[in-house]
Amino acid sequence: MEAYAVIETGGKQYRVEKDTVLSVELLGVEEGETVEFDQVLATSDGTELTIGTPVVANAKVTATVVENYRGQKLVAFKKKRRKGYRRKIGHRQGLTMLKIESISA
């Protein structure tokens, strides 16, 4: 089994492995820069699992920003029948695509 870690960013938790690419909420970091996550909730070296209380001490996940982009448009439509009430609101979330470079525990 491959080494992995569970990190928290943007109020969400992600299970990451080395060389994986994932999208997280916008971090405000330029493309090509390196980001370190110290909110590591759990790590595994392939054989042993370490769970933090609430975070694992001295554990870091390093990632490189691949791209900053906007996600797919989501439409919120509200209607009340027979009342003439209709509201249509669209939203596009800002996202950051990351490539995981290393996991150190």
C-alpha atoms as a PDB file:
ATOM      1  CA  MET A   1       0.000   0.000   0.000  1.00  0.00           C
ATOM      2  CA  GLU A   2       1.209   3.501  -0.826  1.00  0.00           C
ATOM      3  CA  ALA A   3       1.877   6.251   1.715  1.00  0.00           C
ATOM      4  CA  TYR A   4      -0.924   8.793   2.105  1.00  0.00           C
ATOM      5  CA  ALA A   5      -2.095  11.642   4.304  1.00  0.00           C
ATOM      6  CA  VAL A   6      -5.395  13.302   5.216  1.00  0.00           C
ATOM      7  CA  ILE A   7      -5.203  17.107   5.101  1.00  0.00           C
ATOM      8  CA  GLU A   8      -7.692  19.842   5.882  1.00  0.00           C
ATOM      9  CA  THR A   9      -8.066  22.976   3.763  1.00  0.00           C
ATOM     10  CA  GLY A  10     -11.032  25.203   3.058  1.00  0.00           C
ATOM     11  CA  GLY A  11     -13.095  23.447   5.737  1.00  0.00           C
ATOM     12  CA  LYS A  12     -12.871  20.122   3.869  1.00  0.00           C
ATOM     13  CA  GLN A  13     -10.743  17.022   4.313  1.00  0.00           C
ATOM     14  CA  TYR A  14      -8.819  15.379   1.464  1.00  0.00           C
ATOM     15  CA  ARG A  15      -6.973  12.047   1.279  1.00  0.00           C
ATOM     16  CA  VAL A  16      -3.816  12.686  -0.759  1.00  0.00           C
ATOM     17  CA  GLU A  17      -0.939  10.597  -2.098  1.00  0.00           C
ATOM     18  CA  LYS A  18       2.292  11.655  -3.791  1.00  0.00           C
ATOM     19  CA  ASP A  19       1.846  12.884  -7.405  1.00  0.00           C
ATOM     20  CA  THR A  20      -1.951  13.175  -7.132  1.00  0.00           C
ATOM     21  CA  VAL A  21      -3.721  16.195  -8.609  1.00  0.00           C
ATOM     22  CA  LEU A  22      -6.724  17.614  -6.762  1.00  0.00           C
ATOM     23  CA  SER A  23      -8.891  20.730  -6.736  1.00  0.00           C
ATOM     24  CA  VAL A  24      -9.427  22.670  -3.512  1.00  0.00           C
ATOM     25  CA  GLU A  25     -11.054  25.992  -2.700  1.00  0.00           C
ATOM     26  CA  LEU A  26      -9.118  29.050  -3.895  1.00  0.00           C
ATOM     27  CA  LEU A  27      -5.917  29.546  -1.888  1.00  0.00           C
ATOM     28  CA  GLY A  28      -4.803  32.898  -3.307  1.00  0.00           C
ATOM     29  CA  VAL A  29      -1.368  31.601  -4.351  1.00  0.00           C
ATOM     30  CA  GLU A  30       0.168  32.195  -7.794  1.00  0.00           C
ATOM     31  CA  GLU A  31       0.625  29.358 -10.293  1.00  0.00           C
ATOM     32  CA  GLY A  32       3.938  27.517  -9.947  1.00  0.00           C
ATOM     33  CA  GLU A  33       4.409  28.392  -6.265  1.00  0.00           C
ATOM     34  CA  THR A  34       4.721  25.848  -3.463  1.00  0.00           C
ATOM     35  CA  VAL A  35       2.183  25.443  -0.653  1.00  0.00           C
ATOM     36  CA  GLU A  36       2.735  23.618   2.653  1.00  0.00           C
ATOM     37  CA  PHE A  37      -0.152  22.142   4.610  1.00  0.00           C
ATOM     38  CA  ASP A  38       0.492  21.645   8.319  1.00  0.00           C
ATOM     39  CA  GLN A  39      -3.114  20.685   9.135  1.00  0.00           C
ATOM     40  CA  VAL A  40      -2.372  16.974   8.643  1.00  0.00           C
ATOM     41  CA  LEU A  41      -5.040  14.917  10.399  1.00  0.00           C
ATOM     42  CA  ALA A  42      -3.614  11.448   9.639  1.00  0.00           C
ATOM     43  CA  THR A  43      -0.613   9.885   7.892  1.00  0.00           C
ATOM     44  CA  SER A  44       0.234   6.398   6.725  1.00  0.00           C
ATOM     45  CA  ASP A  45       3.593   5.090   5.497  1.00  0.00           C
ATOM     46  CA  GLY A  46       1.989   2.064   3.847  1.00  0.00           C
ATOM     47  CA  THR A  47       2.037  -0.174   6.906  1.00  0.00           C
ATOM     48  CA  GLU A  48       1.306   1.972   9.963  1.00  0.00           C
ATOM     49  CA  LEU A  49      -1.422   4.598  10.390  1.00  0.00           C
ATOM     50  CA  THR A  50      -0.841   7.644  12.621  1.00  0.00           C
ATOM     51  CA  ILE A  51      -3.907   9.645  13.662  1.00  0.00           C
ATOM     52  CA  GLY A  52      -3.482  13.108  15.132  1.00  0.00           C
ATOM     53  CA  THR A  53      -5.218  14.643  18.121  1.00  0.00           C
ATOM     54  CA  PRO A  54      -6.349  16.798  16.273  1.00  0.00           C
ATOM     55  CA  VAL A  55      -3.259  17.105  14.020  1.00  0.00           C
ATOM     56  CA  VAL A  56      -0.149  14.961  13.618  1.00  0.00           C
ATOM     57  CA  ALA A  57       2.896  16.695  15.144  1.00  0.00           C
ATOM     58  CA  ASN A  58       5.713  17.649  12.730  1.00  0.00           C
ATOM     59  CA  ALA A  59       3.805  16.379   9.678  1.00  0.00           C
ATOM     60  CA  LYS A  60       3.707  18.397   6.464  1.00  0.00           C
ATOM     61  CA  VAL A  61       2.341  17.963   2.969  1.00  0.00           C
ATOM     62  CA  THR A  62       3.980  19.974   0.201  1.00  0.00           C
ATOM     63  CA  ALA A  63       2.119  20.786  -3.015  1.00  0.00           C
ATOM     64  CA  THR A  64       2.671  22.872  -6.136  1.00  0.00           C
ATOM     65  CA  VAL A  65      -0.067  25.094  -7.560  1.00  0.00           C
ATOM     66  CA  VAL A  66      -0.853  23.943 -11.102  1.00  0.00           C
ATOM     67  CA  GLU A  67      -3.701  26.325 -11.923  1.00  0.00           C
ATOM     68  CA  ASN A  68      -6.172  28.805 -10.456  1.00  0.00           C
ATOM     69  CA  TYR A  69      -9.540  28.562 -12.188  1.00  0.00           C
ATOM     70  CA  ARG A  70     -13.278  28.895 -11.750  1.00  0.00           C
ATOM     71  CA  GLY A  71     -15.492  25.859 -11.430  1.00  0.00           C
ATOM     72  CA  GLN A  72     -18.581  24.887 -13.328  1.00  0.00           C
ATOM     73  CA  LYS A  73     -21.594  27.182 -13.035  1.00  0.00           C
ATOM     74  CA  LEU A  74     -24.207  26.142 -10.480  1.00  0.00           C
ATOM     75  CA  VAL A  75     -27.747  27.474 -10.854  1.00  0.00           C
ATOM     76  CA  ALA A  76     -30.091  28.026  -7.909  1.00  0.00           C
ATOM     77  CA  PHE A  77     -33.673  28.391  -9.114  1.00  0.00           C
ATOM     78  CA  LYS A  78     -36.565  29.182  -6.752  1.00  0.00           C
ATOM     79  CA  LYS A  79     -40.240  29.160  -7.672  1.00  0.00           C
ATOM     80  CA  LYS A  80     -43.587  29.276  -5.921  1.00  0.00           C
ATOM     81  CA  ARG A  81     -46.351  27.918  -8.081  1.00  0.00           C
ATOM     82  CA  ARG A  82     -49.296  30.116  -9.034  1.00  0.00           C
ATOM     83  CA  LYS A  83     -47.729  33.162  -7.350  1.00  0.00           C
ATOM     84  CA  GLY A  84     -45.540  34.555 -10.142  1.00  0.00           C
ATOM     85  CA  TYR A  85     -42.427  34.199  -7.955  1.00  0.00           C
ATOM     86  CA  ARG A  86     -39.260  33.051  -9.785  1.00  0.00           C
ATOM     87  CA  ARG A  87     -35.612  33.713  -8.887  1.00  0.00           C
ATOM     88  CA  LYS A  88     -32.586  32.432 -10.802  1.00  0.00           C
ATOM     89  CA  ILE A  89     -29.111  32.894  -9.315  1.00  0.00           C
ATOM     90  CA  GLY A  90     -25.854  31.508 -10.718  1.00  0.00           C
ATOM     91  CA  HIS A  91     -22.545  30.909  -8.938  1.00  0.00           C
ATOM     92  CA  ARG A  92     -19.028  29.865 -10.013  1.00  0.00           C
ATOM     93  CA  GLN A  93     -16.625  28.813  -7.247  1.00  0.00           C
ATOM     94  CA  GLY A  94     -12.966  29.823  -7.425  1.00  0.00           C
ATOM     95  CA  LEU A  95     -10.729  26.727  -7.287  1.00  0.00           C
ATOM     96  CA  THR A  96      -7.020  25.906  -7.099  1.00  0.00           C
ATOM     97  CA  MET A  97      -5.586  22.777  -8.726  1.00  0.00           C
ATOM     98  CA  LEU A  98      -2.709  21.257  -6.711  1.00  0.00           C
ATOM     99  CA  LYS A  99      -0.129  18.549  -7.430  1.00  0.00           C
ATOM    100  CA  ILE A 100       1.127  16.812  -4.276  1.00  0.00           C
ATOM    101  CA  GLU A 101       4.939  16.751  -4.214  1.00  0.00           C
ATOM    102  CA  SER A 102       5.817  15.160  -0.861  1.00  0.00           C
ATOM    103  CA  ILE A 103       4.425  13.869   2.420  1.00  0.00           C
ATOM    104  CA  SER A 104       6.642  14.062   5.499  1.00  0.00           C
ATOM    105  CA  ALA A 105       5.683  12.788   8.913  1.00  0.00           C
END
